[in-house]
Amino acid sequence: MAFELTGTVKYARRMKGEAKGSGKPYDFFSLIVLDPDEGERIPLQMSSDSPQFKELCDRDQTLIDQPIKVIIRRCLPGTKKDKNTGQETPTVRFFIKKVLFSTAAQPASR
């Protein structure tokens, strides 16, 4: 099941390194899209094996404030450790299947 999100890019960056504690390597593209209807910021991830991964990494800073449409392939519930308190908080990770760039990605006016 895939679903789509249309919005404006507020953050775009490649995340590469090793997880603290386990030492497992990670490499993904991180994107935060603002849903203009609700004002929600939606954090998204694209894995490094995606065909668009390199393109997004190359364009990361030019994506900011651009309208896009994101096709989401799946979402997984989990937890995330708060950097300040160390407490685990619930979160949902959304994984990108495809990003579409065009004026068609702009939200319809009301």
C-alpha atoms as a PDB file:
ATOM      1  CA  MET A   1       0.000   0.000   0.000  1.00  0.00           C
ATOM      2  CA  ALA A   2       1.443   3.340  -1.025  1.00  0.00           C
ATOM      3  CA  PHE A   3       0.077   6.792  -0.279  1.00  0.00           C
ATOM      4  CA  GLU A   4       1.151  10.284  -1.262  1.00  0.00           C
ATOM      5  CA  LEU A   5       1.918  13.551   0.464  1.00  0.00           C
ATOM      6  CA  THR A   6       2.032  16.943  -1.202  1.00  0.00           C
ATOM      7  CA  GLY A   7       3.813  19.771   0.538  1.00  0.00           C
ATOM      8  CA  THR A   8       6.863  21.989   0.849  1.00  0.00           C
ATOM      9  CA  VAL A   9      10.377  20.805   1.707  1.00  0.00           C
ATOM     10  CA  LYS A  10      11.618  22.256   4.998  1.00  0.00           C
ATOM     11  CA  TYR A  11      14.688  20.046   5.544  1.00  0.00           C
ATOM     12  CA  ALA A  12      16.743  17.808   3.267  1.00  0.00           C
ATOM     13  CA  ARG A  13      19.975  16.020   4.140  1.00  0.00           C
ATOM     14  CA  ARG A  14      21.882  12.785   3.714  1.00  0.00           C
ATOM     15  CA  MET A  15      22.330  10.943   7.000  1.00  0.00           C
ATOM     16  CA  LYS A  16      25.346   8.639   7.087  1.00  0.00           C
ATOM     17  CA  GLY A  17      27.211   7.158  10.024  1.00  0.00           C
ATOM     18  CA  GLU A  18      27.100   4.477  12.686  1.00  0.00           C
ATOM     19  CA  ALA A  19      24.409   3.985  15.294  1.00  0.00           C
ATOM     20  CA  LYS A  20      25.564   4.695  18.821  1.00  0.00           C
ATOM     21  CA  GLY A  21      25.621   1.576  20.924  1.00  0.00           C
ATOM     22  CA  SER A  22      25.210  -1.039  18.174  1.00  0.00           C
ATOM     23  CA  GLY A  23      27.763   0.404  15.755  1.00  0.00           C
ATOM     24  CA  LYS A  24      25.541  -0.565  12.818  1.00  0.00           C
ATOM     25  CA  PRO A  25      26.126   1.610   9.751  1.00  0.00           C
ATOM     26  CA  TYR A  26      23.281   3.668   8.319  1.00  0.00           C
ATOM     27  CA  ASP A  27      22.921   5.670   5.113  1.00  0.00           C
ATOM     28  CA  PHE A  28      19.630   7.303   4.121  1.00  0.00           C
ATOM     29  CA  PHE A  29      18.213  10.584   2.850  1.00  0.00           C
ATOM     30  CA  SER A  30      16.171  12.537   5.392  1.00  0.00           C
ATOM     31  CA  LEU A  31      13.431  14.899   4.307  1.00  0.00           C
ATOM     32  CA  ILE A  32      10.917  16.958   6.274  1.00  0.00           C
ATOM     33  CA  VAL A  33       7.855  18.050   4.317  1.00  0.00           C
ATOM     34  CA  LEU A  34       5.397  20.646   5.582  1.00  0.00           C
ATOM     35  CA  ASP A  35       1.756  19.762   4.927  1.00  0.00           C
ATOM     36  CA  PRO A  36       0.295  23.180   4.042  1.00  0.00           C
ATOM     37  CA  ASP A  37      -3.297  22.219   4.947  1.00  0.00           C
ATOM     38  CA  GLU A  38      -2.603  21.083   8.508  1.00  0.00           C
ATOM     39  CA  GLY A  39       0.751  22.764   9.186  1.00  0.00           C
ATOM     40  CA  GLU A  40       2.253  19.414  10.189  1.00  0.00           C
ATOM     41  CA  ARG A  41       5.917  18.640   9.570  1.00  0.00           C
ATOM     42  CA  ILE A  42       6.267  15.082   8.300  1.00  0.00           C
ATOM     43  CA  PRO A  43       9.717  13.437   8.622  1.00  0.00           C
ATOM     44  CA  LEU A  44      10.522  11.038   5.774  1.00  0.00           C
ATOM     45  CA  GLN A  45      13.407   8.739   4.849  1.00  0.00           C
ATOM     46  CA  MET A  46      14.681   7.279   1.580  1.00  0.00           C
ATOM     47  CA  SER A  47      17.012   4.291   1.700  1.00  0.00           C
ATOM     48  CA  SER A  48      20.358   4.416  -0.084  1.00  0.00           C
ATOM     49  CA  ASP A  49      19.325   1.646  -2.489  1.00  0.00           C
ATOM     50  CA  SER A  50      16.541   3.775  -4.012  1.00  0.00           C
ATOM     51  CA  PRO A  51      17.033   4.855  -7.650  1.00  0.00           C
ATOM     52  CA  GLN A  52      16.495   8.517  -6.635  1.00  0.00           C
ATOM     53  CA  PHE A  53      18.885   8.469  -3.663  1.00  0.00           C
ATOM     54  CA  LYS A  54      21.902   9.996  -5.443  1.00  0.00           C
ATOM     55  CA  GLU A  55      19.774  12.628  -7.179  1.00  0.00           C
ATOM     56  CA  LEU A  56      18.287  13.774  -3.857  1.00  0.00           C
ATOM     57  CA  CYS A  57      21.699  13.862  -2.183  1.00  0.00           C
ATOM     58  CA  ASP A  58      23.053  16.001  -5.032  1.00  0.00           C
ATOM     59  CA  ARG A  59      20.081  18.397  -4.855  1.00  0.00           C
ATOM     60  CA  ASP A  60      19.617  18.535  -1.074  1.00  0.00           C
ATOM     61  CA  GLN A  61      20.014  22.288  -0.493  1.00  0.00           C
ATOM     62  CA  THR A  62      18.122  23.276  -3.642  1.00  0.00           C
ATOM     63  CA  LEU A  63      15.067  21.374  -2.381  1.00  0.00           C
ATOM     64  CA  ILE A  64      14.400  23.703   0.562  1.00  0.00           C
ATOM     65  CA  ASP A  65      11.045  25.548   0.215  1.00  0.00           C
ATOM     66  CA  GLN A  66      10.249  23.682  -3.019  1.00  0.00           C
ATOM     67  CA  PRO A  67       6.819  22.101  -3.589  1.00  0.00           C
ATOM     68  CA  ILE A  68       7.000  18.333  -4.038  1.00  0.00           C
ATOM     69  CA  LYS A  69       4.855  15.242  -4.065  1.00  0.00           C
ATOM     70  CA  VAL A  70       6.174  12.239  -2.163  1.00  0.00           C
ATOM     71  CA  ILE A  71       4.966   8.689  -2.725  1.00  0.00           C
ATOM     72  CA  ILE A  72       5.292   6.850   0.595  1.00  0.00           C
ATOM     73  CA  ARG A  73       5.837   3.103   0.374  1.00  0.00           C
ATOM     74  CA  ARG A  74       5.431   2.226   4.042  1.00  0.00           C
ATOM     75  CA  CYS A  75       5.449   3.499   7.589  1.00  0.00           C
ATOM     76  CA  LEU A  76       6.733   1.786  10.720  1.00  0.00           C
ATOM     77  CA  PRO A  77       5.974   2.615  14.335  1.00  0.00           C
ATOM     78  CA  GLY A  78       8.877   2.712  16.725  1.00  0.00           C
ATOM     79  CA  THR A  79      10.589   4.768  19.384  1.00  0.00           C
ATOM     80  CA  LYS A  80      13.162   7.507  19.348  1.00  0.00           C
ATOM     81  CA  LYS A  81      15.477   8.521  22.176  1.00  0.00           C
ATOM     82  CA  ASP A  82      15.198  12.176  23.180  1.00  0.00           C
ATOM     83  CA  LYS A  83      18.695  13.726  23.047  1.00  0.00           C
ATOM     84  CA  ASN A  84      18.051  15.940  26.079  1.00  0.00           C
ATOM     85  CA  THR A  85      16.189  13.622  28.434  1.00  0.00           C
ATOM     86  CA  GLY A  86      17.285  10.188  27.208  1.00  0.00           C
ATOM     87  CA  GLN A  87      13.672   9.025  27.324  1.00  0.00           C
ATOM     88  CA  GLU A  88      12.163   6.860  24.592  1.00  0.00           C
ATOM     89  CA  THR A  89       9.217   8.484  22.836  1.00  0.00           C
ATOM     90  CA  PRO A  90       6.858   6.948  20.260  1.00  0.00           C
ATOM     91  CA  THR A  91       7.456   7.853  16.631  1.00  0.00           C
ATOM     92  CA  VAL A  92       6.483   6.757  13.131  1.00  0.00           C
ATOM     93  CA  ARG A  93       9.026   6.481  10.334  1.00  0.00           C
ATOM     94  CA  PHE A  94       7.772   7.116   6.799  1.00  0.00           C
ATOM     95  CA  PHE A  95       9.776   5.593   3.955  1.00  0.00           C
ATOM     96  CA  ILE A  96       9.806   7.254   0.527  1.00  0.00           C
ATOM     97  CA  LYS A  97       9.212   5.307  -2.657  1.00  0.00           C
ATOM     98  CA  LYS A  98       9.465   8.236  -5.072  1.00  0.00           C
ATOM     99  CA  VAL A  99       9.724  12.027  -5.096  1.00  0.00           C
ATOM    100  CA  LEU A 100       8.036  14.022  -7.869  1.00  0.00           C
ATOM    101  CA  PHE A 101       9.253  17.516  -8.749  1.00  0.00           C
ATOM    102  CA  SER A 102       6.991  19.753 -10.788  1.00  0.00           C
ATOM    103  CA  THR A 103       4.378  22.453 -10.579  1.00  0.00           C
ATOM    104  CA  ALA A 104       1.856  19.581 -10.416  1.00  0.00           C
ATOM    105  CA  ALA A 105       3.196  18.893  -6.927  1.00  0.00           C
ATOM    106  CA  GLN A 106       1.876  22.233  -5.672  1.00  0.00           C
ATOM    107  CA  PRO A 107      -1.239  21.960  -3.508  1.00  0.00           C
ATOM    108  CA  ALA A 108      -4.504  23.019  -5.082  1.00  0.00           C
ATOM    109  CA  SER A 109      -5.731  26.432  -3.952  1.00  0.00           C
ATOM    110  CA  ARG A 110      -8.947  26.524  -1.993  1.00  0.00           C
END
